[in-house]
Amino acid sequence: MKAAIVEKPGVLVVRDIPAPEYGDYDALCEMLYGATCTGTDQHLIAGRFPWPVRYPTIIGHESIGRVVQVGKRVRNYKIGDLVTRVGAPAGGELDVNWGGYAQFGVARDHWAMRADGLPASAWNAYRINQVLPPDFDPAAATMIITWRETLSYLRRMGVNGGSSVLVSGTGGNGLSFAAHAHNRGAHTVVAVGSAMREEISRAVGADQFYDYRNPDLVERIAAAHPDGFDFIIDAVGKVGELDGLLPLVRHGGTVGIYGIDDWGKCALNPTRARGTFTFYNGGYDEEETHAEIVAMIQGGALKAGNWLDLEHPFNLTDINLAFDALRERKMIKAVIKLSN
């Protein structure tokens, strides 16, 4: 099978590797589509990922597979099921960073493993493998991973009806935060980002938009929102990003850094804020929001077409063209067709 492999920082290739083997609790899946992650994927390709990476590695963590074979102890997958976050396993010289850009991958029946008394260390990481309704478009379904992560993060922060929310960043994650805040009933959703993303920011749920390049950005927002914001989310994670916005958080509010551009390097000067605030550092859990995201898609509250060009997917062999388009800011996220 073919897989997209970062051979070393700066070198992404597509080459043939052995198809994965699968065990008693595993489901072998034909990989259908994957979506690019501007943060994780591009940091892995560039060699800037903030956690240790062993190259060569198969990347991709937003892929959808269809079950084609099941192990003898599998009870919760059946042939034909659509499954989220499927990836090729590590093997031989190859490591994986989720392994989603491959033609075949493996999902694990974590429900059966838990019921059979296996230790959590064997199945906990595979709770990301969830079954989708059979009528879901697998290309559009690649957005579910981003939506699950960001909704879990937002919900754990405490955003709900009546909240005022400022989101810094208008990439795939930033737009998702704006959409979720709107869908959860926030009374004010403000997006700060690239001017070319104003229209789409408003389309997914932002009430107001500000160009991050405005030299008097904070002053303009403060004048329009004198009470400050209950929540500020930095979806990019660059040094100085959230620190510069601290004057906009209300006393008792909450701020958080979701993006990883400068992970571990960001610092906050708390005296810039109006008073006491909370820094959210509770992460997210995809499984806890899976059913909610599925229901929102079915109800029309989330539409993948706002993030993805579903009419023009890239073939796996052309994956470098997809990342070129992202770097040139021609699209928010790219869809990769993984199977023939």
C-alpha atoms as a PDB file:
ATOM      1  CA  MET A   1       0.000   0.000   0.000  1.00  0.00           C
ATOM      2  CA  LYS A   2       1.012   3.641  -0.325  1.00  0.00           C
ATOM      3  CA  ALA A   3       1.554   5.980   2.604  1.00  0.00           C
ATOM      4  CA  ALA A   4       2.694   9.578   3.084  1.00  0.00           C
ATOM      5  CA  ILE A   5       5.926   9.514   5.057  1.00  0.00           C
ATOM      6  CA  VAL A   6       8.065  12.316   6.441  1.00  0.00           C
ATOM      7  CA  GLU A   7      11.497  10.835   5.790  1.00  0.00           C
ATOM      8  CA  LYS A   8      13.224  13.641   7.663  1.00  0.00           C
ATOM      9  CA  PRO A   9      12.300  17.248   8.430  1.00  0.00           C
ATOM     10  CA  GLY A  10      11.342  18.992   5.212  1.00  0.00           C
ATOM     11  CA  VAL A  11      10.972  15.798   3.141  1.00  0.00           C
ATOM     12  CA  LEU A  12       7.471  14.361   2.642  1.00  0.00           C
ATOM     13  CA  VAL A  13       7.234  11.437   0.223  1.00  0.00           C
ATOM     14  CA  VAL A  14       4.624   8.901  -0.820  1.00  0.00           C
ATOM     15  CA  ARG A  15       5.948   5.374  -1.167  1.00  0.00           C
ATOM     16  CA  ASP A  16       4.906   1.740  -0.933  1.00  0.00           C
ATOM     17  CA  ILE A  17       5.052  -0.031   2.421  1.00  0.00           C
ATOM     18  CA  PRO A  18       3.616  -3.371   3.611  1.00  0.00           C
ATOM     19  CA  ALA A  19      -0.099  -3.428   4.399  1.00  0.00           C
ATOM     20  CA  PRO A  20      -0.764  -3.563   8.153  1.00  0.00           C
ATOM     21  CA  GLU A  21      -1.425  -6.747  10.066  1.00  0.00           C
ATOM     22  CA  TYR A  22      -4.350  -6.772  12.475  1.00  0.00           C
ATOM     23  CA  GLY A  23      -4.975  -8.573  15.731  1.00  0.00           C
ATOM     24  CA  ASP A  24      -7.888 -10.200  17.511  1.00  0.00           C
ATOM     25  CA  TYR A  25      -9.417  -6.899  18.649  1.00  0.00           C
ATOM     26  CA  ASP A  26      -8.605  -4.985  15.466  1.00  0.00           C
ATOM     27  CA  ALA A  27     -10.547  -4.001  12.366  1.00  0.00           C
ATOM     28  CA  LEU A  28      -8.605  -3.605   9.125  1.00  0.00           C
ATOM     29  CA  CYS A  29      -9.886  -0.548   7.279  1.00  0.00           C
ATOM     30  CA  GLU A  30      -9.541   0.763   3.778  1.00  0.00           C
ATOM     31  CA  MET A  31      -8.672   4.418   4.243  1.00  0.00           C
ATOM     32  CA  LEU A  32     -11.022   6.686   2.308  1.00  0.00           C
ATOM     33  CA  TYR A  33     -10.232  10.357   3.007  1.00  0.00           C
ATOM     34  CA  GLY A  34      -8.066  12.434   5.299  1.00  0.00           C
ATOM     35  CA  ALA A  35      -7.994  16.149   6.071  1.00  0.00           C
ATOM     36  CA  THR A  36      -4.848  18.154   6.654  1.00  0.00           C
ATOM     37  CA  CYS A  37      -4.122  19.728  10.014  1.00  0.00           C
ATOM     38  CA  THR A  38      -2.304  23.007   9.510  1.00  0.00           C
ATOM     39  CA  GLY A  39      -0.790  22.798  12.981  1.00  0.00           C
ATOM     40  CA  THR A  40       0.200  19.200  13.684  1.00  0.00           C
ATOM     41  CA  ASP A  41       0.942  18.001  10.137  1.00  0.00           C
ATOM     42  CA  GLN A  42       2.959  21.029   9.082  1.00  0.00           C
ATOM     43  CA  HIS A  43       4.972  21.040  12.298  1.00  0.00           C
ATOM     44  CA  LEU A  44       5.786  17.361  11.805  1.00  0.00           C
ATOM     45  CA  ILE A  45       6.817  17.970   8.193  1.00  0.00           C
ATOM     46  CA  ALA A  46       8.984  20.956   9.107  1.00  0.00           C
ATOM     47  CA  GLY A  47      10.590  19.276  12.112  1.00  0.00           C
ATOM     48  CA  ARG A  48       9.035  21.765  14.538  1.00  0.00           C
ATOM     49  CA  PHE A  49       6.678  19.449  16.407  1.00  0.00           C
ATOM     50  CA  PRO A  50       6.991  20.292  20.105  1.00  0.00           C
ATOM     51  CA  TRP A  51       7.216  16.673  21.252  1.00  0.00           C
ATOM     52  CA  PRO A  52       9.831  14.036  20.330  1.00  0.00           C
ATOM     53  CA  VAL A  53       9.472  12.561  16.836  1.00  0.00           C
ATOM     54  CA  ARG A  54      11.298   9.577  15.375  1.00  0.00           C
ATOM     55  CA  TYR A  55      11.693   9.842  11.614  1.00  0.00           C
ATOM     56  CA  PRO A  56      10.721   8.383   9.192  1.00  0.00           C
ATOM     57  CA  THR A  57       7.093   8.617  10.283  1.00  0.00           C
ATOM     58  CA  ILE A  58       3.652   8.276   8.709  1.00  0.00           C
ATOM     59  CA  ILE A  59       1.569  11.346   9.477  1.00  0.00           C
ATOM     60  CA  GLY A  60      -2.136  12.212   9.357  1.00  0.00           C
ATOM     61  CA  HIS A  61      -4.692  12.152  12.184  1.00  0.00           C
ATOM     62  CA  GLU A  62      -7.954  13.253  10.551  1.00  0.00           C
ATOM     63  CA  SER A  63      -8.726  10.199   8.430  1.00  0.00           C
ATOM     64  CA  ILE A  64     -11.844   8.104   7.883  1.00  0.00           C
ATOM     65  CA  GLY A  65     -11.678   4.398   7.081  1.00  0.00           C
ATOM     66  CA  ARG A  66     -14.136   1.686   6.069  1.00  0.00           C
ATOM     67  CA  VAL A  67     -13.910  -1.704   7.784  1.00  0.00           C
ATOM     68  CA  VAL A  68     -12.958  -4.539   5.407  1.00  0.00           C
ATOM     69  CA  GLN A  69     -11.842  -7.274   7.859  1.00  0.00           C
ATOM     70  CA  VAL A  70     -12.308  -7.872  11.589  1.00  0.00           C
ATOM     71  CA  GLY A  71     -10.362  -9.862  14.188  1.00  0.00           C
ATOM     72  CA  LYS A  72     -11.976 -12.790  15.993  1.00  0.00           C
ATOM     73  CA  ARG A  73     -12.651 -10.848  19.217  1.00  0.00           C
ATOM     74  CA  VAL A  74     -14.152  -7.778  17.527  1.00  0.00           C
ATOM     75  CA  ARG A  75     -17.771  -7.221  18.535  1.00  0.00           C
ATOM     76  CA  ASN A  76     -18.405  -3.525  17.889  1.00  0.00           C
ATOM     77  CA  TYR A  77     -17.306  -3.137  14.271  1.00  0.00           C
ATOM     78  CA  LYS A  78     -18.735  -4.832  11.242  1.00  0.00           C
ATOM     79  CA  ILE A  79     -17.585  -4.897   7.638  1.00  0.00           C
ATOM     80  CA  GLY A  80     -18.670  -1.700   5.902  1.00  0.00           C
ATOM     81  CA  ASP A  81     -18.618   0.527   9.004  1.00  0.00           C
ATOM     82  CA  LEU A  82     -17.162   4.021   8.686  1.00  0.00           C
ATOM     83  CA  VAL A  83     -14.675   4.701  11.484  1.00  0.00           C
ATOM     84  CA  THR A  84     -12.902   7.874  12.628  1.00  0.00           C
ATOM     85  CA  ARG A  85      -9.198   8.446  13.312  1.00  0.00           C
ATOM     86  CA  VAL A  86      -7.986   5.238  11.686  1.00  0.00           C
ATOM     87  CA  GLY A  87      -4.260   5.011  11.032  1.00  0.00           C
ATOM     88  CA  ALA A  88      -1.518   2.660   9.904  1.00  0.00           C
ATOM     89  CA  PRO A  89       0.448   1.133  12.796  1.00  0.00           C
ATOM     90  CA  ALA A  90       4.190   1.511  13.272  1.00  0.00           C
ATOM     91  CA  GLY A  91       6.396  -1.234  11.921  1.00  0.00           C
ATOM     92  CA  GLY A  92      10.022  -1.879  11.039  1.00  0.00           C
ATOM     93  CA  GLU A  93      11.866   1.355  10.376  1.00  0.00           C
ATOM     94  CA  LEU A  94       8.658   3.354  10.318  1.00  0.00           C
ATOM     95  CA  ASP A  95       7.202   5.178  13.265  1.00  0.00           C
ATOM     96  CA  VAL A  96       3.753   6.753  13.080  1.00  0.00           C
ATOM     97  CA  ASN A  97       2.336  10.042  14.175  1.00  0.00           C
ATOM     98  CA  TRP A  98      -1.179   8.692  13.912  1.00  0.00           C
ATOM     99  CA  GLY A  99      -0.553   7.215  10.439  1.00  0.00           C
ATOM    100  CA  GLY A 100      -3.712   8.471   8.783  1.00  0.00           C
ATOM    101  CA  TYR A 101      -2.280   9.205   5.322  1.00  0.00           C
ATOM    102  CA  ALA A 102      -2.166   5.603   4.152  1.00  0.00           C
ATOM    103  CA  GLN A 103      -4.299   3.332   2.031  1.00  0.00           C
ATOM    104  CA  PHE A 104      -5.017   0.896   4.871  1.00  0.00           C
ATOM    105  CA  GLY A 105      -5.169   1.309   8.607  1.00  0.00           C
ATOM    106  CA  VAL A 106      -6.303  -0.388  11.792  1.00  0.00           C
ATOM    107  CA  ALA A 107      -9.062   0.524  14.243  1.00  0.00           C
ATOM    108  CA  ARG A 108      -9.205  -1.121  17.657  1.00  0.00           C
ATOM    109  CA  ASP A 109     -12.338  -2.413  19.375  1.00  0.00           C
ATOM    110  CA  HIS A 110     -11.658  -0.566  22.610  1.00  0.00           C
ATOM    111  CA  TRP A 111     -15.171  -1.304  23.883  1.00  0.00           C
ATOM    112  CA  ALA A 112     -14.584  -5.075  23.686  1.00  0.00           C
ATOM    113  CA  MET A 113     -11.106  -4.779  25.201  1.00  0.00           C
ATOM    114  CA  ARG A 114     -12.464  -2.849  28.158  1.00  0.00           C
ATOM    115  CA  ALA A 115     -15.345  -5.285  28.650  1.00  0.00           C
ATOM    116  CA  ASP A 116     -12.908  -8.203  28.545  1.00  0.00           C
ATOM    117  CA  GLY A 117     -10.837  -6.704  31.345  1.00  0.00           C
ATOM    118  CA  LEU A 118      -7.756  -5.665  29.402  1.00  0.00           C
ATOM    119  CA  PRO A 119      -5.730  -2.835  30.996  1.00  0.00           C
ATOM    120  CA  ALA A 120      -6.582   0.713  29.952  1.00  0.00           C
ATOM    121  CA  SER A 121      -3.071   1.116  28.572  1.00  0.00           C
ATOM    122  CA  ALA A 122      -4.030  -1.317  25.787  1.00  0.00           C
ATOM    123  CA  TRP A 123      -7.204   0.430  24.646  1.00  0.00           C
ATOM    124  CA  ASN A 124      -7.546   3.946  26.047  1.00  0.00           C
ATOM    125  CA  ALA A 125      -5.751   5.680  23.165  1.00  0.00           C
ATOM    126  CA  TYR A 126      -8.104   4.017  20.678  1.00  0.00           C
ATOM    127  CA  ARG A 127     -11.292   5.631  21.978  1.00  0.00           C
ATOM    128  CA  ILE A 128     -10.755   8.016  19.063  1.00  0.00           C
ATOM    129  CA  ASN A 129     -11.949   5.167  16.801  1.00  0.00           C
ATOM    130  CA  GLN A 130     -15.701   5.787  16.677  1.00  0.00           C
ATOM    131  CA  VAL A 131     -18.354   4.476  14.286  1.00  0.00           C
ATOM    132  CA  LEU A 132     -20.197   6.954  12.051  1.00  0.00           C
ATOM    133  CA  PRO A 133     -23.728   6.768  10.630  1.00  0.00           C
ATOM    134  CA  PRO A 134     -23.604   4.819   7.345  1.00  0.00           C
ATOM    135  CA  ASP A 135     -24.997   7.707   5.292  1.00  0.00           C
ATOM    136  CA  PHE A 136     -22.185  10.129   6.223  1.00  0.00           C
ATOM    137  CA  ASP A 137     -19.981  11.439   3.432  1.00  0.00           C
ATOM    138  CA  PRO A 138     -16.493  10.177   4.386  1.00  0.00           C
ATOM    139  CA  ALA A 139     -14.783  13.206   2.836  1.00  0.00           C
ATOM    140  CA  ALA A 140     -16.907  15.647   4.843  1.00  0.00           C
ATOM    141  CA  ALA A 141     -16.560  13.438   7.917  1.00  0.00           C
ATOM    142  CA  THR A 142     -12.843  14.205   8.116  1.00  0.00           C
ATOM    143  CA  MET A 143     -13.873  17.472   9.833  1.00  0.00           C
ATOM    144  CA  ILE A 144     -15.279  15.508  12.754  1.00  0.00           C
ATOM    145  CA  ILE A 145     -11.862  15.108  14.343  1.00  0.00           C
ATOM    146  CA  THR A 146     -11.204  18.861  14.510  1.00  0.00           C
ATOM    147  CA  TRP A 147     -14.761  19.504  15.649  1.00  0.00           C
ATOM    148  CA  ARG A 148     -14.610  16.888  18.421  1.00  0.00           C
ATOM    149  CA  GLU A 149     -11.315  18.207  19.788  1.00  0.00           C
ATOM    150  CA  THR A 150     -12.296  21.866  19.771  1.00  0.00           C
ATOM    151  CA  LEU A 151     -15.780  21.286  21.183  1.00  0.00           C
ATOM    152  CA  SER A 152     -14.377  19.229  24.051  1.00  0.00           C
ATOM    153  CA  TYR A 153     -11.830  21.955  24.814  1.00  0.00           C
ATOM    154  CA  LEU A 154     -14.449  24.712  24.646  1.00  0.00           C
ATOM    155  CA  ARG A 155     -16.960  22.826  26.754  1.00  0.00           C
ATOM    156  CA  ARG A 156     -14.386  21.977  29.413  1.00  0.00           C
ATOM    157  CA  MET A 157     -13.426  25.649  29.575  1.00  0.00           C
ATOM    158  CA  GLY A 158     -17.024  26.380  30.501  1.00  0.00           C
ATOM    159  CA  VAL A 159     -18.337  28.236  27.434  1.00  0.00           C
ATOM    160  CA  ASN A 160     -22.130  28.114  27.357  1.00  0.00           C
ATOM    161  CA  GLY A 161     -25.200  30.190  26.711  1.00  0.00           C
ATOM    162  CA  GLY A 162     -24.631  33.797  27.739  1.00  0.00           C
ATOM    163  CA  SER A 163     -20.828  33.661  27.469  1.00  0.00           C
ATOM    164  CA  SER A 164     -18.795  36.277  25.630  1.00  0.00           C
ATOM    165  CA  VAL A 165     -15.983  34.675  23.655  1.00  0.00           C
ATOM    166  CA  LEU A 166     -13.007  36.030  21.723  1.00  0.00           C
ATOM    167  CA  VAL A 167     -11.179  33.615  19.411  1.00  0.00           C
ATOM    168  CA  SER A 168      -7.754  34.523  18.081  1.00  0.00           C
ATOM    169  CA  GLY A 169      -7.036  32.713  14.824  1.00  0.00           C
ATOM    170  CA  THR A 170      -9.142  31.925  11.768  1.00  0.00           C
ATOM    171  CA  GLY A 171      -7.624  28.650  10.612  1.00  0.00           C
ATOM    172  CA  GLY A 172      -9.507  25.369  10.861  1.00  0.00           C
ATOM    173  CA  ASN A 173      -9.359  25.329  14.661  1.00  0.00           C
ATOM    174  CA  GLY A 174     -10.176  28.996  15.196  1.00  0.00           C
ATOM    175  CA  LEU A 175     -13.207  28.791  12.926  1.00  0.00           C
ATOM    176  CA  SER A 176     -14.321  25.661  14.780  1.00  0.00           C
ATOM    177  CA  PHE A 177     -14.124  27.450  18.123  1.00  0.00           C
ATOM    178  CA  ALA A 178     -16.214  30.301  16.733  1.00  0.00           C
ATOM    179  CA  ALA A 179     -18.794  27.868  15.382  1.00  0.00           C
ATOM    180  CA  HIS A 180     -19.008  25.927  18.643  1.00  0.00           C
ATOM    181  CA  ALA A 181     -19.309  29.071  20.758  1.00  0.00           C
ATOM    182  CA  HIS A 182     -22.158  30.237  18.527  1.00  0.00           C
ATOM    183  CA  ASN A 183     -23.861  26.839  18.630  1.00  0.00           C
ATOM    184  CA  ARG A 184     -23.583  26.712  22.428  1.00  0.00           C
ATOM    185  CA  GLY A 185     -25.468  29.975  22.659  1.00  0.00           C
ATOM    186  CA  ALA A 186     -22.685  32.450  23.444  1.00  0.00           C
ATOM    187  CA  HIS A 187     -24.173  35.931  23.321  1.00  0.00           C
ATOM    188  CA  THR A 188     -21.029  37.418  21.757  1.00  0.00           C
ATOM    189  CA  VAL A 189     -18.493  35.673  19.510  1.00  0.00           C
ATOM    190  CA  VAL A 190     -15.604  37.782  18.224  1.00  0.00           C
ATOM    191  CA  ALA A 191     -13.031  36.442  15.765  1.00  0.00           C
ATOM    192  CA  VAL A 192      -9.573  37.945  15.316  1.00  0.00           C
ATOM    193  CA  GLY A 193      -7.679  36.769  12.274  1.00  0.00           C
ATOM    194  CA  SER A 194      -6.688  37.201   8.657  1.00  0.00           C
ATOM    195  CA  ALA A 195      -8.777  39.692   6.671  1.00  0.00           C
ATOM    196  CA  MET A 196      -9.330  37.101   3.942  1.00  0.00           C
ATOM    197  CA  ARG A 197     -11.222  34.970   6.481  1.00  0.00           C
ATOM    198  CA  GLU A 198     -13.758  37.574   7.587  1.00  0.00           C
ATOM    199  CA  GLU A 199     -16.608  36.279   5.452  1.00  0.00           C
ATOM    200  CA  ILE A 200     -16.179  32.658   6.479  1.00  0.00           C
ATOM    201  CA  SER A 201     -15.753  33.669  10.136  1.00  0.00           C
ATOM    202  CA  ARG A 202     -19.134  35.365  10.076  1.00  0.00           C
ATOM    203  CA  ALA A 203     -20.667  32.463   8.158  1.00  0.00           C
ATOM    204  CA  VAL A 204     -19.738  29.911  10.827  1.00  0.00           C
ATOM    205  CA  GLY A 205     -20.886  32.018  13.770  1.00  0.00           C
ATOM    206  CA  ALA A 206     -18.713  35.031  14.581  1.00  0.00           C
ATOM    207  CA  ASP A 207     -20.755  38.134  15.403  1.00  0.00           C
ATOM    208  CA  GLN A 208     -17.823  40.477  14.822  1.00  0.00           C
ATOM    209  CA  PHE A 209     -14.460  40.255  13.102  1.00  0.00           C
ATOM    210  CA  TYR A 210     -11.174  42.138  13.567  1.00  0.00           C
ATOM    211  CA  ASP A 211      -8.083  42.015  11.377  1.00  0.00           C
ATOM    212  CA  TYR A 212      -5.170  40.903  13.545  1.00  0.00           C
ATOM    213  CA  ARG A 213      -2.886  43.323  11.700  1.00  0.00           C
ATOM    214  CA  ASN A 214      -4.665  46.425  12.978  1.00  0.00           C
ATOM    215  CA  PRO A 215      -2.069  48.368  15.000  1.00  0.00           C
ATOM    216  CA  ASP A 216      -4.731  49.481  17.493  1.00  0.00           C
ATOM    217  CA  LEU A 217      -6.449  46.092  17.625  1.00  0.00           C
ATOM    218  CA  VAL A 218      -6.813  45.817  21.398  1.00  0.00           C
ATOM    219  CA  GLU A 219      -7.981  49.399  21.767  1.00  0.00           C
ATOM    220  CA  ARG A 220     -10.663  48.928  19.100  1.00  0.00           C
ATOM    221  CA  ILE A 221     -11.977  45.734  20.660  1.00  0.00           C
ATOM    222  CA  ALA A 222     -11.907  47.222  24.163  1.00  0.00           C
ATOM    223  CA  ALA A 223     -13.925  50.231  23.012  1.00  0.00           C
ATOM    224  CA  ALA A 224     -16.571  47.958  21.501  1.00  0.00           C
ATOM    225  CA  HIS A 225     -16.569  45.552  24.472  1.00  0.00           C
ATOM    226  CA  PRO A 226     -15.913  47.599  27.601  1.00  0.00           C
ATOM    227  CA  ASP A 227     -16.910  44.764  29.939  1.00  0.00           C
ATOM    228  CA  GLY A 228     -14.294  42.416  28.475  1.00  0.00           C
ATOM    229  CA  PHE A 229     -14.711  38.770  27.574  1.00  0.00           C
ATOM    230  CA  ASP A 230     -15.562  35.743  29.672  1.00  0.00           C
ATOM    231  CA  PHE A 231     -13.311  33.561  27.515  1.00  0.00           C
ATOM    232  CA  ILE A 232     -10.340  34.198  25.235  1.00  0.00           C
ATOM    233  CA  ILE A 233      -8.973  31.310  23.159  1.00  0.00           C
ATOM    234  CA  ASP A 234      -5.670  31.514  21.302  1.00  0.00           C
ATOM    235  CA  ALA A 235      -6.101  29.005  18.468  1.00  0.00           C
ATOM    236  CA  VAL A 236      -2.653  29.728  16.985  1.00  0.00           C
ATOM    237  CA  GLY A 237      -0.224  29.693  19.899  1.00  0.00           C
ATOM    238  CA  LYS A 238       2.375  32.202  18.780  1.00  0.00           C
ATOM    239  CA  VAL A 239       4.560  34.010  21.295  1.00  0.00           C
ATOM    240  CA  GLY A 240       2.839  37.196  22.458  1.00  0.00           C
ATOM    241  CA  GLU A 241      -0.550  36.346  20.943  1.00  0.00           C
ATOM    242  CA  LEU A 242      -2.538  35.683  24.092  1.00  0.00           C
ATOM    243  CA  ASP A 243      -0.417  37.991  26.225  1.00  0.00           C
ATOM    244  CA  GLY A 244      -1.357  40.892  23.977  1.00  0.00           C
ATOM    245  CA  LEU A 245      -5.045  40.127  24.428  1.00  0.00           C
ATOM    246  CA  LEU A 246      -4.998  39.875  28.239  1.00  0.00           C
ATOM    247  CA  PRO A 247      -6.349  43.428  28.702  1.00  0.00           C
ATOM    248  CA  LEU A 248      -9.582  42.136  27.112  1.00  0.00           C
ATOM    249  CA  VAL A 249     -10.372  39.369  29.602  1.00  0.00           C
ATOM    250  CA  ARG A 250     -12.862  40.387  32.258  1.00  0.00           C
ATOM    251  CA  HIS A 251     -12.143  39.968  35.966  1.00  0.00           C
ATOM    252  CA  GLY A 252     -12.851  36.314  36.736  1.00  0.00           C
ATOM    253  CA  GLY A 253     -12.605  35.271  33.081  1.00  0.00           C
ATOM    254  CA  THR A 254     -10.736  32.359  31.517  1.00  0.00           C
ATOM    255  CA  VAL A 255      -8.047  32.238  28.836  1.00  0.00           C
ATOM    256  CA  GLY A 256      -6.392  29.325  27.074  1.00  0.00           C
ATOM    257  CA  ILE A 257      -3.793  28.504  24.417  1.00  0.00           C
ATOM    258  CA  TYR A 258      -4.880  25.762  22.028  1.00  0.00           C
ATOM    259  CA  GLY A 259      -2.455  26.333  19.140  1.00  0.00           C
ATOM    260  CA  ILE A 260       1.052  24.849  19.092  1.00  0.00           C
ATOM    261  CA  ASP A 261       3.030  27.213  16.867  1.00  0.00           C
ATOM    262  CA  ASP A 262       5.327  28.261  19.722  1.00  0.00           C
ATOM    263  CA  TRP A 263       4.415  25.558  22.218  1.00  0.00           C
ATOM    264  CA  GLY A 264       6.300  25.879  25.486  1.00  0.00           C
ATOM    265  CA  LYS A 265       7.646  29.330  24.640  1.00  0.00           C
ATOM    266  CA  CYS A 266       4.595  31.479  25.340  1.00  0.00           C
ATOM    267  CA  ALA A 267       4.552  33.609  28.486  1.00  0.00           C
ATOM    268  CA  LEU A 268       1.857  35.756  30.075  1.00  0.00           C
ATOM    269  CA  ASN A 269       2.237  38.919  32.087  1.00  0.00           C
ATOM    270  CA  PRO A 270      -0.807  38.675  34.391  1.00  0.00           C
ATOM    271  CA  THR A 271      -0.597  42.347  35.366  1.00  0.00           C
ATOM    272  CA  ARG A 272      -1.814  43.204  31.855  1.00  0.00           C
ATOM    273  CA  ALA A 273      -5.238  41.807  32.759  1.00  0.00           C
ATOM    274  CA  ARG A 274      -7.994  43.785  34.467  1.00  0.00           C
ATOM    275  CA  GLY A 275      -7.975  41.494  37.475  1.00  0.00           C
ATOM    276  CA  THR A 276      -7.866  37.842  38.418  1.00  0.00           C
ATOM    277  CA  PHE A 277      -8.289  35.333  35.601  1.00  0.00           C
ATOM    278  CA  THR A 278      -7.969  31.573  35.094  1.00  0.00           C
ATOM    279  CA  PHE A 279      -5.577  29.965  32.647  1.00  0.00           C
ATOM    280  CA  TYR A 280      -7.274  26.863  31.248  1.00  0.00           C
ATOM    281  CA  ASN A 281      -4.909  23.914  30.852  1.00  0.00           C
ATOM    282  CA  GLY A 282      -7.347  20.994  30.873  1.00  0.00           C
ATOM    283  CA  GLY A 283      -6.967  19.733  27.313  1.00  0.00           C
ATOM    284  CA  TYR A 284      -9.733  17.815  25.548  1.00  0.00           C
ATOM    285  CA  ASP A 285     -11.096  14.316  25.024  1.00  0.00           C
ATOM    286  CA  GLU A 286     -12.466  13.545  21.568  1.00  0.00           C
ATOM    287  CA  GLU A 287     -14.663  10.640  22.623  1.00  0.00           C
ATOM    288  CA  GLU A 288     -16.746  12.728  25.003  1.00  0.00           C
ATOM    289  CA  THR A 289     -18.060  14.950  22.206  1.00  0.00           C
ATOM    290  CA  HIS A 290     -18.430  12.392  19.400  1.00  0.00           C
ATOM    291  CA  ALA A 291     -22.180  11.844  19.726  1.00  0.00           C
ATOM    292  CA  GLU A 292     -22.826  15.567  20.085  1.00  0.00           C
ATOM    293  CA  ILE A 293     -20.848  16.391  16.937  1.00  0.00           C
ATOM    294  CA  VAL A 294     -22.661  13.690  14.960  1.00  0.00           C
ATOM    295  CA  ALA A 295     -26.007  15.146  16.069  1.00  0.00           C
ATOM    296  CA  MET A 296     -24.919  18.674  15.134  1.00  0.00           C
ATOM    297  CA  ILE A 297     -23.919  17.513  11.656  1.00  0.00           C
ATOM    298  CA  GLN A 298     -27.220  15.716  11.203  1.00  0.00           C
ATOM    299  CA  GLY A 299     -29.072  18.830  12.362  1.00  0.00           C
ATOM    300  CA  GLY A 300     -27.178  21.117   9.984  1.00  0.00           C
ATOM    301  CA  ALA A 301     -25.371  23.109  12.699  1.00  0.00           C
ATOM    302  CA  LEU A 302     -21.950  22.128  11.322  1.00  0.00           C
ATOM    303  CA  LYS A 303     -21.240  22.058   7.581  1.00  0.00           C
ATOM    304  CA  ALA A 304     -17.905  20.723   6.401  1.00  0.00           C
ATOM    305  CA  GLY A 305     -18.108  22.742   3.186  1.00  0.00           C
ATOM    306  CA  ASN A 306     -17.315  25.882   5.175  1.00  0.00           C
ATOM    307  CA  TRP A 307     -13.878  24.439   5.936  1.00  0.00           C
ATOM    308  CA  LEU A 308     -13.180  22.059   3.054  1.00  0.00           C
ATOM    309  CA  ASP A 309     -13.300  22.113  -0.741  1.00  0.00           C
ATOM    310  CA  LEU A 310     -15.132  18.808  -1.065  1.00  0.00           C
ATOM    311  CA  GLU A 311     -15.363  19.058  -4.839  1.00  0.00           C
ATOM    312  CA  HIS A 312     -11.614  19.046  -5.428  1.00  0.00           C
ATOM    313  CA  PRO A 313      -9.822  16.556  -3.174  1.00  0.00           C
ATOM    314  CA  PHE A 314      -6.121  15.874  -3.669  1.00  0.00           C
ATOM    315  CA  ASN A 315      -4.944  12.359  -4.446  1.00  0.00           C
ATOM    316  CA  LEU A 316      -2.585  10.815  -1.910  1.00  0.00           C
ATOM    317  CA  THR A 317       0.227  10.905  -4.454  1.00  0.00           C
ATOM    318  CA  ASP A 318      -0.252  14.686  -4.729  1.00  0.00           C
ATOM    319  CA  ILE A 319      -0.223  15.368  -1.004  1.00  0.00           C
ATOM    320  CA  ASN A 320       2.702  17.796  -1.312  1.00  0.00           C
ATOM    321  CA  LEU A 321       0.530  19.967  -3.564  1.00  0.00           C
ATOM    322  CA  ALA A 322      -2.070  20.052  -0.803  1.00  0.00           C
ATOM    323  CA  PHE A 323       0.450  21.314   1.728  1.00  0.00           C
ATOM    324  CA  ASP A 324       1.777  23.837  -0.789  1.00  0.00           C
ATOM    325  CA  ALA A 325      -1.770  25.202  -1.107  1.00  0.00           C
ATOM    326  CA  LEU A 326      -2.046  25.460   2.677  1.00  0.00           C
ATOM    327  CA  ARG A 327       1.257  27.290   2.993  1.00  0.00           C
ATOM    328  CA  GLU A 328       0.107  29.704   0.304  1.00  0.00           C
ATOM    329  CA  ARG A 329      -3.150  30.181   2.268  1.00  0.00           C
ATOM    330  CA  LYS A 330      -5.262  29.131  -0.698  1.00  0.00           C
ATOM    331  CA  MET A 331      -7.494  27.019   1.544  1.00  0.00           C
ATOM    332  CA  ILE A 332      -8.307  26.440   5.181  1.00  0.00           C
ATOM    333  CA  LYS A 333      -7.884  22.666   5.123  1.00  0.00           C
ATOM    334  CA  ALA A 334      -7.310  20.240   2.275  1.00  0.00           C
ATOM    335  CA  VAL A 335      -9.036  16.910   1.666  1.00  0.00           C
ATOM    336  CA  ILE A 336      -6.837  13.970   0.636  1.00  0.00           C
ATOM    337  CA  LYS A 337      -8.366  11.019  -1.242  1.00  0.00           C
ATOM    338  CA  LEU A 338      -6.529   8.006   0.161  1.00  0.00           C
ATOM    339  CA  SER A 339      -8.013   5.054  -1.741  1.00  0.00           C
ATOM    340  CA  ASN A 340      -8.049   4.456  -5.481  1.00  0.00           C
END
